[in-house]
Amino acid sequence: MVAAMRHGYDDDMVNKGKMPVIVRIAALIICNAAVVASAQTQPPAVAPKFEPMSEGTHVLVGDVGNVLASIGADGVLLVDDQYPNTARSIETAAKAISATAPIRYVINTHWHVDHSGGNLYFARNGATLVAHDNVRARMGAEQFMKAYNARIPAAPQGALPAITFAADITLRINGETIQAIHMPNAHTDGDAVVFFRNANTVHMGDIFFNGMFPFIDTGSGGSVQGVIAAVDKVLAMTDAKTRIVPAHGPVTDRSGLAAYGAMLRDVAARVQAGIDAGLPLAEIQKRNITAPYAKNMEGDGEKFIGFVHESLTAKGLPARP
């Protein structure tokens, strides 16, 4: 893995989960075609398991990413499908709850391979893939991830979402109403949050890294402004009983998301103050802006500041928060 090797880790450490979570995420996103092909034959070291959240709604919290599912007599709907080497294990975990229910739908929260890497496997086995218009566009062409100086090859045609939407889409399965809602220029330009209305549960995708300084893919149209706007919108849509599923990290509630949003807004304001004072990025990073949050956050605070700085100085993105 490109990112893994740069940090002194090897593929065996990736597969066995011995790397810090944020580094594993980068390693899983940044992979060439050969690594993806080999990874399809390497099952995860620990078999994943879906845990019940409410009747018919289950969550799989994993090292690669969290998967939300509606599982019942109508079949299975998944929100995100992790990576090629975990797809079969996710299917097995779903069958452990409903042995005869096929996986009918997969909704991708965005294009990154740790959230859409299982698409080809599930599509070949009869699932319909659903995502925002920009997810299909980015998956269908080679992408360059500026943050990691890596080129990501185009996904196979069969892995591309068959149903796409511009603003939102609603699916109904197992008595559940499931709405995918586009959040512009957030983690990427194709993010969707997925709300299970009856279960009062929302999957945030990479808009929410719980307990980690987030990666904002500015090269894919992401911005801290968009992330903050998305968090605010979800807070307005939810209540104290809503379960919030981040892409990475433990499931939380509205207060956990609100604290994350407050951190984002505070860091963005402090970075903007440095920009307004004419300071270069390196000087702003020396101000230890993320230090108050470091005790409870995994990852690289300085790199996060870099994403924020790039967001706030880019042209054509939302106004500063």
C-alpha atoms as a PDB file:
ATOM      1  CA  MET A   1       0.000   0.000   0.000  1.00  0.00           C
ATOM      2  CA  VAL A   2       1.397   3.384  -0.971  1.00  0.00           C
ATOM      3  CA  ALA A   3       0.452   5.261   2.222  1.00  0.00           C
ATOM      4  CA  ALA A   4       1.273   2.291   4.437  1.00  0.00           C
ATOM      5  CA  MET A   5       4.795   1.974   3.078  1.00  0.00           C
ATOM      6  CA  ARG A   6       5.398   5.711   3.449  1.00  0.00           C
ATOM      7  CA  HIS A   7       4.545   5.447   7.135  1.00  0.00           C
ATOM      8  CA  GLY A   8       6.748   2.398   7.709  1.00  0.00           C
ATOM      9  CA  TYR A   9       3.937  -0.194   7.624  1.00  0.00           C
ATOM     10  CA  ASP A  10       3.569  -3.190   5.345  1.00  0.00           C
ATOM     11  CA  ASP A  11       0.568  -4.982   3.783  1.00  0.00           C
ATOM     12  CA  ASP A  12       0.580  -7.667   6.479  1.00  0.00           C
ATOM     13  CA  MET A  13       0.105  -5.000   9.132  1.00  0.00           C
ATOM     14  CA  VAL A  14      -2.761  -3.535   7.111  1.00  0.00           C
ATOM     15  CA  ASN A  15      -4.500  -6.906   6.810  1.00  0.00           C
ATOM     16  CA  LYS A  16      -4.058  -7.742  10.511  1.00  0.00           C
ATOM     17  CA  GLY A  17      -5.235  -4.352  11.725  1.00  0.00           C
ATOM     18  CA  LYS A  18      -1.988  -3.431  13.503  1.00  0.00           C
ATOM     19  CA  MET A  19      -1.807   0.090  12.082  1.00  0.00           C
ATOM     20  CA  PRO A  20      -3.401   3.220  13.543  1.00  0.00           C
ATOM     21  CA  VAL A  21      -6.953   3.550  12.229  1.00  0.00           C
ATOM     22  CA  ILE A  22      -6.343   6.768  10.303  1.00  0.00           C
ATOM     23  CA  VAL A  23      -3.296   5.236   8.547  1.00  0.00           C
ATOM     24  CA  ARG A  24      -5.258   2.090   7.669  1.00  0.00           C
ATOM     25  CA  ILE A  25      -7.924   4.291   6.098  1.00  0.00           C
ATOM     26  CA  ALA A  26      -5.356   6.073   3.939  1.00  0.00           C
ATOM     27  CA  ALA A  27      -3.765   2.762   2.970  1.00  0.00           C
ATOM     28  CA  LEU A  28      -7.123   1.362   1.928  1.00  0.00           C
ATOM     29  CA  ILE A  29      -8.052   4.423  -0.117  1.00  0.00           C
ATOM     30  CA  ILE A  30      -4.729   4.635  -1.908  1.00  0.00           C
ATOM     31  CA  CYS A  31      -4.176   1.324  -3.631  1.00  0.00           C
ATOM     32  CA  ASN A  32      -3.266   0.298  -7.141  1.00  0.00           C
ATOM     33  CA  ALA A  33      -5.095  -2.298  -9.231  1.00  0.00           C
ATOM     34  CA  ALA A  34      -2.666  -5.088  -8.317  1.00  0.00           C
ATOM     35  CA  VAL A  35      -3.211  -4.561  -4.607  1.00  0.00           C
ATOM     36  CA  VAL A  36      -6.985  -4.538  -5.066  1.00  0.00           C
ATOM     37  CA  ALA A  37      -6.826  -7.780  -7.033  1.00  0.00           C
ATOM     38  CA  SER A  38      -4.725  -9.512  -4.399  1.00  0.00           C
ATOM     39  CA  ALA A  39      -6.829  -8.114  -1.573  1.00  0.00           C
ATOM     40  CA  GLN A  40      -9.896  -9.855  -2.981  1.00  0.00           C
ATOM     41  CA  THR A  41      -8.382 -13.185  -1.925  1.00  0.00           C
ATOM     42  CA  GLN A  42      -7.415 -12.071   1.586  1.00  0.00           C
ATOM     43  CA  PRO A  43     -10.305 -12.203   4.073  1.00  0.00           C
ATOM     44  CA  PRO A  44     -10.198  -9.945   7.123  1.00  0.00           C
ATOM     45  CA  ALA A  45      -8.407 -11.341  10.182  1.00  0.00           C
ATOM     46  CA  VAL A  46     -11.548 -11.007  12.309  1.00  0.00           C
ATOM     47  CA  ALA A  47     -14.933 -11.936  10.825  1.00  0.00           C
ATOM     48  CA  PRO A  48     -17.210  -8.866  10.835  1.00  0.00           C
ATOM     49  CA  LYS A  49     -20.563  -8.996  12.599  1.00  0.00           C
ATOM     50  CA  PHE A  50     -23.720  -6.935  12.325  1.00  0.00           C
ATOM     51  CA  GLU A  51     -25.137  -5.700  15.624  1.00  0.00           C
ATOM     52  CA  PRO A  52     -28.824  -4.750  16.003  1.00  0.00           C
ATOM     53  CA  MET A  53     -29.719  -1.076  16.405  1.00  0.00           C
ATOM     54  CA  SER A  54     -33.499  -1.372  16.101  1.00  0.00           C
ATOM     55  CA  GLU A  55     -35.880  -3.815  14.486  1.00  0.00           C
ATOM     56  CA  GLY A  56     -34.526  -4.549  11.012  1.00  0.00           C
ATOM     57  CA  THR A  57     -31.635  -2.083  11.293  1.00  0.00           C
ATOM     58  CA  HIS A  58     -28.115  -3.326  11.979  1.00  0.00           C
ATOM     59  CA  VAL A  59     -24.643  -1.823  12.008  1.00  0.00           C
ATOM     60  CA  LEU A  60     -21.245  -3.342  11.313  1.00  0.00           C
ATOM     61  CA  VAL A  61     -18.476  -1.321  12.953  1.00  0.00           C
ATOM     62  CA  GLY A  62     -15.166  -2.249  11.370  1.00  0.00           C
ATOM     63  CA  ASP A  63     -11.561  -1.174  10.912  1.00  0.00           C
ATOM     64  CA  VAL A  64     -12.171  -0.453   7.235  1.00  0.00           C
ATOM     65  CA  GLY A  65     -15.411   1.456   7.740  1.00  0.00           C
ATOM     66  CA  ASN A  66     -18.881   1.232   9.227  1.00  0.00           C
ATOM     67  CA  VAL A  67     -21.723  -0.399   7.306  1.00  0.00           C
ATOM     68  CA  LEU A  68     -25.379   0.299   8.070  1.00  0.00           C
ATOM     69  CA  ALA A  69     -27.953  -2.234   6.892  1.00  0.00           C
ATOM     70  CA  SER A  70     -31.660  -2.840   6.592  1.00  0.00           C
ATOM     71  CA  ILE A  71     -32.116  -6.603   6.831  1.00  0.00           C
ATOM     72  CA  GLY A  72     -35.497  -8.301   6.528  1.00  0.00           C
ATOM     73  CA  ALA A  73     -37.934 -10.287   4.420  1.00  0.00           C
ATOM     74  CA  ASP A  74     -37.609  -7.926   1.428  1.00  0.00           C
ATOM     75  CA  GLY A  75     -33.862  -8.421   1.295  1.00  0.00           C
ATOM     76  CA  VAL A  76     -30.827  -6.451   2.411  1.00  0.00           C
ATOM     77  CA  LEU A  77     -29.840  -2.843   1.783  1.00  0.00           C
ATOM     78  CA  LEU A  78     -26.296  -1.829   2.683  1.00  0.00           C
ATOM     79  CA  VAL A  79     -24.900   1.644   3.178  1.00  0.00           C
ATOM     80  CA  ASP A  80     -21.273   1.350   2.023  1.00  0.00           C
ATOM     81  CA  ASP A  81     -19.537  -1.954   1.333  1.00  0.00           C
ATOM     82  CA  GLN A  82     -15.960  -1.410   2.493  1.00  0.00           C
ATOM     83  CA  TYR A  83     -13.215  -3.023   0.427  1.00  0.00           C
ATOM     84  CA  PRO A  84     -12.939  -5.905  -2.063  1.00  0.00           C
ATOM     85  CA  ASN A  85     -11.433  -8.300   0.463  1.00  0.00           C
ATOM     86  CA  THR A  86     -14.254  -7.732   2.973  1.00  0.00           C
ATOM     87  CA  ALA A  87     -17.271  -7.964   0.627  1.00  0.00           C
ATOM     88  CA  ARG A  88     -17.811 -11.704   1.030  1.00  0.00           C
ATOM     89  CA  SER A  89     -17.456 -11.395   4.818  1.00  0.00           C
ATOM     90  CA  ILE A  90     -20.067  -8.619   4.890  1.00  0.00           C
ATOM     91  CA  GLU A  91     -22.404 -10.848   2.897  1.00  0.00           C
ATOM     92  CA  THR A  92     -21.791 -13.721   5.337  1.00  0.00           C
ATOM     93  CA  ALA A  93     -22.484 -11.421   8.289  1.00  0.00           C
ATOM     94  CA  ALA A  94     -25.797 -10.329   6.716  1.00  0.00           C
ATOM     95  CA  LYS A  95     -26.797 -13.943   6.052  1.00  0.00           C
ATOM     96  CA  ALA A  96     -26.152 -14.769   9.703  1.00  0.00           C
ATOM     97  CA  ILE A  97     -29.174 -12.546  10.475  1.00  0.00           C
ATOM     98  CA  SER A  98     -31.370 -13.447   7.491  1.00  0.00           C
ATOM     99  CA  ALA A  99     -30.077 -16.521   5.706  1.00  0.00           C
ATOM    100  CA  THR A 100     -32.418 -16.323   2.705  1.00  0.00           C
ATOM    101  CA  ALA A 101     -32.515 -12.554   2.150  1.00  0.00           C
ATOM    102  CA  PRO A 102     -30.460 -11.430  -0.872  1.00  0.00           C
ATOM    103  CA  ILE A 103     -28.475  -8.200  -0.868  1.00  0.00           C
ATOM    104  CA  ARG A 104     -30.641  -6.068  -3.148  1.00  0.00           C
ATOM    105  CA  TYR A 105     -29.163  -2.584  -2.816  1.00  0.00           C
ATOM    106  CA  VAL A 106     -25.870  -0.916  -1.911  1.00  0.00           C
ATOM    107  CA  ILE A 107     -25.775   2.847  -1.353  1.00  0.00           C
ATOM    108  CA  ASN A 108     -22.291   4.392  -1.553  1.00  0.00           C
ATOM    109  CA  THR A 109     -21.832   7.485   0.622  1.00  0.00           C
ATOM    110  CA  HIS A 110     -18.996   8.612  -1.704  1.00  0.00           C
ATOM    111  CA  TRP A 111     -16.490   7.254  -4.242  1.00  0.00           C
ATOM    112  CA  HIS A 112     -13.468   6.240  -2.113  1.00  0.00           C
ATOM    113  CA  VAL A 113     -12.553   2.582  -2.398  1.00  0.00           C
ATOM    114  CA  ASP A 114     -12.922   1.854   1.315  1.00  0.00           C
ATOM    115  CA  HIS A 115     -16.625   2.656   0.878  1.00  0.00           C
ATOM    116  CA  SER A 116     -17.249   1.346  -2.637  1.00  0.00           C
ATOM    117  CA  GLY A 117     -14.632  -1.396  -2.998  1.00  0.00           C
ATOM    118  CA  GLY A 118     -17.197  -4.173  -2.605  1.00  0.00           C
ATOM    119  CA  ASN A 119     -19.403  -2.819  -5.408  1.00  0.00           C
ATOM    120  CA  LEU A 120     -18.269  -5.235  -8.100  1.00  0.00           C
ATOM    121  CA  TYR A 121     -18.781  -8.278  -5.880  1.00  0.00           C
ATOM    122  CA  PHE A 122     -22.262  -7.263  -4.796  1.00  0.00           C
ATOM    123  CA  ALA A 123     -23.341  -6.136  -8.276  1.00  0.00           C
ATOM    124  CA  ARG A 124     -22.230  -9.454  -9.747  1.00  0.00           C
ATOM    125  CA  ASN A 125     -24.401 -11.135  -7.153  1.00  0.00           C
ATOM    126  CA  GLY A 126     -27.519  -9.172  -8.029  1.00  0.00           C
ATOM    127  CA  ALA A 127     -27.363  -5.952  -5.999  1.00  0.00           C
ATOM    128  CA  THR A 128     -28.287  -2.585  -7.483  1.00  0.00           C
ATOM    129  CA  LEU A 129     -25.710   0.119  -6.763  1.00  0.00           C
ATOM    130  CA  VAL A 130     -26.941   3.608  -5.802  1.00  0.00           C
ATOM    131  CA  ALA A 131     -24.962   6.830  -5.332  1.00  0.00           C
ATOM    132  CA  HIS A 132     -24.749  10.518  -6.186  1.00  0.00           C
ATOM    133  CA  ASP A 133     -24.062  11.489  -9.807  1.00  0.00           C
ATOM    134  CA  ASN A 134     -20.512  12.576  -8.961  1.00  0.00           C
ATOM    135  CA  VAL A 135     -19.691   9.203  -7.406  1.00  0.00           C
ATOM    136  CA  ARG A 136     -20.295   7.419 -10.693  1.00  0.00           C
ATOM    137  CA  ALA A 137     -18.361  10.107 -12.582  1.00  0.00           C
ATOM    138  CA  ARG A 138     -15.312   9.849 -10.319  1.00  0.00           C
ATOM    139  CA  MET A 139     -15.342   6.062 -10.116  1.00  0.00           C
ATOM    140  CA  GLY A 140     -15.586   5.848 -13.890  1.00  0.00           C
ATOM    141  CA  ALA A 141     -12.340   7.739 -14.532  1.00  0.00           C
ATOM    142  CA  GLU A 142      -8.835   7.737 -13.084  1.00  0.00           C
ATOM    143  CA  GLN A 143      -8.584  10.028 -10.064  1.00  0.00           C
ATOM    144  CA  PHE A 144      -5.594  11.821  -8.591  1.00  0.00           C
ATOM    145  CA  MET A 145      -5.557  12.160  -4.814  1.00  0.00           C
ATOM    146  CA  LYS A 146      -3.507  15.268  -4.219  1.00  0.00           C
ATOM    147  CA  ALA A 147      -3.325  14.718  -0.462  1.00  0.00           C
ATOM    148  CA  TYR A 148      -1.377  11.488  -0.959  1.00  0.00           C
ATOM    149  CA  ASN A 149       0.140  12.135  -4.405  1.00  0.00           C
ATOM    150  CA  ALA A 150      -1.506   8.961  -5.702  1.00  0.00           C
ATOM    151  CA  ARG A 151      -3.409   8.011  -8.827  1.00  0.00           C
ATOM    152  CA  ILE A 152      -6.486   5.817  -8.361  1.00  0.00           C
ATOM    153  CA  PRO A 153      -7.434   3.763 -11.430  1.00  0.00           C
ATOM    154  CA  ALA A 154     -10.964   3.821 -12.800  1.00  0.00           C
ATOM    155  CA  ALA A 155     -13.265   1.182 -11.335  1.00  0.00           C
ATOM    156  CA  PRO A 156     -14.558  -1.622 -13.573  1.00  0.00           C
ATOM    157  CA  GLN A 157     -17.807  -0.815 -15.381  1.00  0.00           C
ATOM    158  CA  GLY A 158     -19.700  -3.334 -13.268  1.00  0.00           C
ATOM    159  CA  ALA A 159     -18.699  -1.528 -10.069  1.00  0.00           C
ATOM    160  CA  LEU A 160     -20.264   1.795 -11.112  1.00  0.00           C
ATOM    161  CA  PRO A 161     -23.572   2.836  -9.514  1.00  0.00           C
ATOM    162  CA  ALA A 162     -26.486   1.949 -11.800  1.00  0.00           C
ATOM    163  CA  ILE A 163     -28.877   4.416 -10.151  1.00  0.00           C
ATOM    164  CA  THR A 164     -27.648   7.948  -9.454  1.00  0.00           C
ATOM    165  CA  PHE A 165     -29.268  11.099  -8.128  1.00  0.00           C
ATOM    166  CA  ALA A 166     -28.535  14.825  -8.077  1.00  0.00           C
ATOM    167  CA  ALA A 167     -30.181  15.940  -4.813  1.00  0.00           C
ATOM    168  CA  ASP A 168     -31.734  12.977  -3.023  1.00  0.00           C
ATOM    169  CA  ILE A 169     -33.406   9.619  -3.504  1.00  0.00           C
ATOM    170  CA  THR A 170     -35.783   7.560  -1.388  1.00  0.00           C
ATOM    171  CA  LEU A 171     -35.897   3.766  -1.216  1.00  0.00           C
ATOM    172  CA  ARG A 172     -38.398   1.655   0.684  1.00  0.00           C
ATOM    173  CA  ILE A 173     -37.473  -1.829   1.886  1.00  0.00           C
ATOM    174  CA  ASN A 174     -38.431  -3.976   4.878  1.00  0.00           C
ATOM    175  CA  GLY A 175     -40.960  -1.369   5.982  1.00  0.00           C
ATOM    176  CA  GLU A 176     -38.169   1.214   6.272  1.00  0.00           C
ATOM    177  CA  THR A 177     -37.996   4.547   4.438  1.00  0.00           C
ATOM    178  CA  ILE A 178     -34.381   5.242   3.497  1.00  0.00           C
ATOM    179  CA  GLN A 179     -33.372   8.626   2.112  1.00  0.00           C
ATOM    180  CA  ALA A 180     -29.948   9.435   0.646  1.00  0.00           C
ATOM    181  CA  ILE A 181     -29.330  13.191   0.650  1.00  0.00           C
ATOM    182  CA  HIS A 182     -26.488  14.929  -1.196  1.00  0.00           C
ATOM    183  CA  MET A 183     -24.223  17.166   0.875  1.00  0.00           C
ATOM    184  CA  PRO A 184     -22.324  19.415  -1.581  1.00  0.00           C
ATOM    185  CA  ASN A 185     -18.557  19.933  -1.355  1.00  0.00           C
ATOM    186  CA  ALA A 186     -18.205  18.177   2.002  1.00  0.00           C
ATOM    187  CA  HIS A 187     -15.699  15.320   2.295  1.00  0.00           C
ATOM    188  CA  THR A 188     -15.888  15.145  -1.535  1.00  0.00           C
ATOM    189  CA  ASP A 189     -18.266  16.580  -4.142  1.00  0.00           C
ATOM    190  CA  GLY A 190     -20.415  13.430  -4.120  1.00  0.00           C
ATOM    191  CA  ASP A 191     -21.164  12.809  -0.442  1.00  0.00           C
ATOM    192  CA  ALA A 192     -24.545  11.590   0.717  1.00  0.00           C
ATOM    193  CA  VAL A 193     -25.860  11.059   4.211  1.00  0.00           C
ATOM    194  CA  VAL A 194     -28.291   8.166   4.435  1.00  0.00           C
ATOM    195  CA  PHE A 195     -31.212   8.505   6.821  1.00  0.00           C
ATOM    196  CA  PHE A 196     -33.225   5.485   8.003  1.00  0.00           C
ATOM    197  CA  ARG A 197     -36.342   7.450   8.918  1.00  0.00           C
ATOM    198  CA  ASN A 198     -38.287   4.850  10.922  1.00  0.00           C
ATOM    199  CA  ALA A 199     -35.203   3.720  12.823  1.00  0.00           C
ATOM    200  CA  ASN A 200     -34.145   7.364  13.393  1.00  0.00           C
ATOM    201  CA  THR A 201     -30.605   6.478  12.338  1.00  0.00           C
ATOM    202  CA  VAL A 202     -28.284   8.279   9.932  1.00  0.00           C
ATOM    203  CA  HIS A 203     -25.052   7.151   8.262  1.00  0.00           C
ATOM    204  CA  MET A 204     -22.767  10.142   7.726  1.00  0.00           C
ATOM    205  CA  GLY A 205     -20.091   8.621   5.505  1.00  0.00           C
ATOM    206  CA  ASP A 206     -16.718  10.355   5.703  1.00  0.00           C
ATOM    207  CA  ILE A 207     -18.385  13.633   6.602  1.00  0.00           C
ATOM    208  CA  PHE A 208     -17.986  12.340  10.169  1.00  0.00           C
ATOM    209  CA  PHE A 209     -14.786  10.772  11.549  1.00  0.00           C
ATOM    210  CA  ASN A 210     -15.643  10.045  15.184  1.00  0.00           C
ATOM    211  CA  GLY A 211     -12.577  10.365  17.402  1.00  0.00           C
ATOM    212  CA  MET A 212     -10.271  11.245  14.495  1.00  0.00           C
ATOM    213  CA  PHE A 213      -9.119  14.391  12.768  1.00  0.00           C
ATOM    214  CA  PRO A 214     -10.887  14.095   9.428  1.00  0.00           C
ATOM    215  CA  PHE A 215      -9.484  13.669   5.959  1.00  0.00           C
ATOM    216  CA  ILE A 216     -11.086  16.199   3.628  1.00  0.00           C
ATOM    217  CA  ASP A 217     -10.500  15.311  -0.016  1.00  0.00           C
ATOM    218  CA  THR A 218     -10.078  18.814  -1.389  1.00  0.00           C
ATOM    219  CA  GLY A 219      -8.873  17.345  -4.675  1.00  0.00           C
ATOM    220  CA  SER A 220     -12.308  15.732  -5.100  1.00  0.00           C
ATOM    221  CA  GLY A 221     -14.208  18.924  -4.395  1.00  0.00           C
ATOM    222  CA  GLY A 222     -14.304  18.571  -0.615  1.00  0.00           C
ATOM    223  CA  SER A 223     -14.054  21.490   1.803  1.00  0.00           C
ATOM    224  CA  VAL A 224     -14.255  22.150   5.515  1.00  0.00           C
ATOM    225  CA  GLN A 225     -17.020  24.645   4.741  1.00  0.00           C
ATOM    226  CA  GLY A 226     -19.074  21.879   3.165  1.00  0.00           C
ATOM    227  CA  VAL A 227     -18.377  19.477   6.029  1.00  0.00           C
ATOM    228  CA  ILE A 228     -19.538  22.054   8.578  1.00  0.00           C
ATOM    229  CA  ALA A 229     -22.657  22.810   6.502  1.00  0.00           C
ATOM    230  CA  ALA A 230     -23.425  19.079   6.263  1.00  0.00           C
ATOM    231  CA  VAL A 231     -23.026  18.574  10.008  1.00  0.00           C
ATOM    232  CA  ASP A 232     -25.322  21.546  10.657  1.00  0.00           C
ATOM    233  CA  LYS A 233     -27.913  20.167   8.243  1.00  0.00           C
ATOM    234  CA  VAL A 234     -27.899  16.729   9.884  1.00  0.00           C
ATOM    235  CA  LEU A 235     -28.158  18.306  13.347  1.00  0.00           C
ATOM    236  CA  ALA A 236     -31.248  20.172  12.130  1.00  0.00           C
ATOM    237  CA  MET A 237     -32.757  16.921  10.808  1.00  0.00           C
ATOM    238  CA  THR A 238     -32.220  14.877  13.982  1.00  0.00           C
ATOM    239  CA  ASP A 239     -33.146  14.751  17.658  1.00  0.00           C
ATOM    240  CA  ALA A 240     -31.672  13.521  20.920  1.00  0.00           C
ATOM    241  CA  LYS A 241     -32.707   9.932  20.150  1.00  0.00           C
ATOM    242  CA  THR A 242     -31.113   9.763  16.689  1.00  0.00           C
ATOM    243  CA  ARG A 243     -28.281   7.273  16.320  1.00  0.00           C
ATOM    244  CA  ILE A 244     -25.389   8.734  14.313  1.00  0.00           C
ATOM    245  CA  VAL A 245     -23.179   6.294  12.389  1.00  0.00           C
ATOM    246  CA  PRO A 246     -19.843   7.820  11.348  1.00  0.00           C
ATOM    247  CA  ALA A 247     -17.811   6.353   8.525  1.00  0.00           C
ATOM    248  CA  HIS A 248     -15.044   5.555  10.997  1.00  0.00           C
ATOM    249  CA  GLY A 249     -15.189   5.307  14.770  1.00  0.00           C
ATOM    250  CA  PRO A 250     -17.922   4.351  17.240  1.00  0.00           C
ATOM    251  CA  VAL A 251     -21.633   4.994  16.759  1.00  0.00           C
ATOM    252  CA  THR A 252     -22.753   8.057  18.697  1.00  0.00           C
ATOM    253  CA  ASP A 253     -25.695  10.401  19.135  1.00  0.00           C
ATOM    254  CA  ARG A 254     -26.567  13.965  18.237  1.00  0.00           C
ATOM    255  CA  SER A 255     -24.412  15.391  21.037  1.00  0.00           C
ATOM    256  CA  GLY A 256     -21.376  13.537  19.677  1.00  0.00           C
ATOM    257  CA  LEU A 257     -21.966  14.979  16.227  1.00  0.00           C
ATOM    258  CA  ALA A 258     -22.508  18.449  17.688  1.00  0.00           C
ATOM    259  CA  ALA A 259     -19.148  18.271  19.501  1.00  0.00           C
ATOM    260  CA  TYR A 260     -17.457  17.243  16.249  1.00  0.00           C
ATOM    261  CA  GLY A 261     -19.104  20.163  14.463  1.00  0.00           C
ATOM    262  CA  ALA A 262     -17.961  22.579  17.146  1.00  0.00           C
ATOM    263  CA  MET A 263     -14.374  21.325  16.753  1.00  0.00           C
ATOM    264  CA  LEU A 264     -14.539  21.825  12.982  1.00  0.00           C
ATOM    265  CA  ARG A 265     -15.916  25.335  13.328  1.00  0.00           C
ATOM    266  CA  ASP A 266     -13.332  26.318  15.947  1.00  0.00           C
ATOM    267  CA  VAL A 267     -10.371  25.011  13.951  1.00  0.00           C
ATOM    268  CA  ALA A 268     -11.665  26.619  10.745  1.00  0.00           C
ATOM    269  CA  ALA A 269     -12.090  29.981  12.495  1.00  0.00           C
ATOM    270  CA  ARG A 270      -8.562  29.843  13.927  1.00  0.00           C
ATOM    271  CA  VAL A 271      -7.051  28.903  10.580  1.00  0.00           C
ATOM    272  CA  GLN A 272      -9.012  31.707   8.916  1.00  0.00           C
ATOM    273  CA  ALA A 273      -7.637  34.148  11.508  1.00  0.00           C
ATOM    274  CA  GLY A 274      -4.123  33.103  10.525  1.00  0.00           C
ATOM    275  CA  ILE A 275      -4.937  33.548   6.853  1.00  0.00           C
ATOM    276  CA  ASP A 276      -6.401  36.991   7.533  1.00  0.00           C
ATOM    277  CA  ALA A 277      -3.173  37.891   9.380  1.00  0.00           C
ATOM    278  CA  GLY A 278      -1.178  36.992   6.275  1.00  0.00           C
ATOM    279  CA  LEU A 279       0.505  33.946   7.805  1.00  0.00           C
ATOM    280  CA  PRO A 280       1.687  31.080   5.591  1.00  0.00           C
ATOM    281  CA  LEU A 281       0.380  27.565   6.273  1.00  0.00           C
ATOM    282  CA  ALA A 282       3.561  26.471   8.101  1.00  0.00           C
ATOM    283  CA  GLU A 283       3.210  29.318  10.566  1.00  0.00           C
ATOM    284  CA  ILE A 284      -0.455  28.595  11.147  1.00  0.00           C
ATOM    285  CA  GLN A 285       0.386  24.946  11.848  1.00  0.00           C
ATOM    286  CA  LYS A 286       2.907  26.063  14.474  1.00  0.00           C
ATOM    287  CA  ARG A 287       0.083  27.666  16.452  1.00  0.00           C
ATOM    288  CA  ASN A 288      -1.007  24.215  17.729  1.00  0.00           C
ATOM    289  CA  ILE A 289      -4.608  24.941  16.837  1.00  0.00           C
ATOM    290  CA  THR A 290      -5.669  21.299  17.217  1.00  0.00           C
ATOM    291  CA  ALA A 291      -3.869  20.763  20.552  1.00  0.00           C
ATOM    292  CA  PRO A 292      -7.025  21.190  22.682  1.00  0.00           C
ATOM    293  CA  TYR A 293      -8.591  18.272  20.828  1.00  0.00           C
ATOM    294  CA  ALA A 294      -5.576  15.993  20.413  1.00  0.00           C
ATOM    295  CA  LYS A 295      -6.161  13.991  23.610  1.00  0.00           C
ATOM    296  CA  ASN A 296      -9.438  12.593  22.288  1.00  0.00           C
ATOM    297  CA  MET A 297      -8.591  12.533  18.580  1.00  0.00           C
ATOM    298  CA  GLU A 298      -6.503  10.124  16.546  1.00  0.00           C
ATOM    299  CA  GLY A 299      -4.587  11.233  13.483  1.00  0.00           C
ATOM    300  CA  ASP A 300      -2.418  14.093  12.296  1.00  0.00           C
ATOM    301  CA  GLY A 301      -3.669  17.481  13.459  1.00  0.00           C
ATOM    302  CA  GLU A 302      -1.228  19.386  11.254  1.00  0.00           C
ATOM    303  CA  LYS A 303      -2.389  17.530   8.154  1.00  0.00           C
ATOM    304  CA  PHE A 304      -5.980  18.320   9.092  1.00  0.00           C
ATOM    305  CA  ILE A 305      -5.044  22.004   9.361  1.00  0.00           C
ATOM    306  CA  GLY A 306      -3.609  21.708   5.863  1.00  0.00           C
ATOM    307  CA  PHE A 307      -6.954  20.450   4.536  1.00  0.00           C
ATOM    308  CA  VAL A 308      -8.740  23.305   6.294  1.00  0.00           C
ATOM    309  CA  HIS A 309      -6.281  25.876   4.951  1.00  0.00           C
ATOM    310  CA  GLU A 310      -6.631  24.584   1.406  1.00  0.00           C
ATOM    311  CA  SER A 311     -10.427  24.678   1.726  1.00  0.00           C
ATOM    312  CA  LEU A 312     -10.474  28.266   2.965  1.00  0.00           C
ATOM    313  CA  THR A 313      -8.087  29.558   0.307  1.00  0.00           C
ATOM    314  CA  ALA A 314      -9.587  27.681  -2.652  1.00  0.00           C
ATOM    315  CA  LYS A 315     -11.671  29.467  -5.251  1.00  0.00           C
ATOM    316  CA  GLY A 316     -15.148  28.375  -6.248  1.00  0.00           C
ATOM    317  CA  LEU A 317     -16.000  26.667  -2.954  1.00  0.00           C
ATOM    318  CA  PRO A 318     -18.546  27.723  -0.300  1.00  0.00           C
ATOM    319  CA  ALA A 319     -17.908  30.865   1.719  1.00  0.00           C
ATOM    320  CA  ARG A 320     -16.048  30.472   4.983  1.00  0.00           C
ATOM    321  CA  PRO A 321     -18.158  29.356   7.964  1.00  0.00           C
END
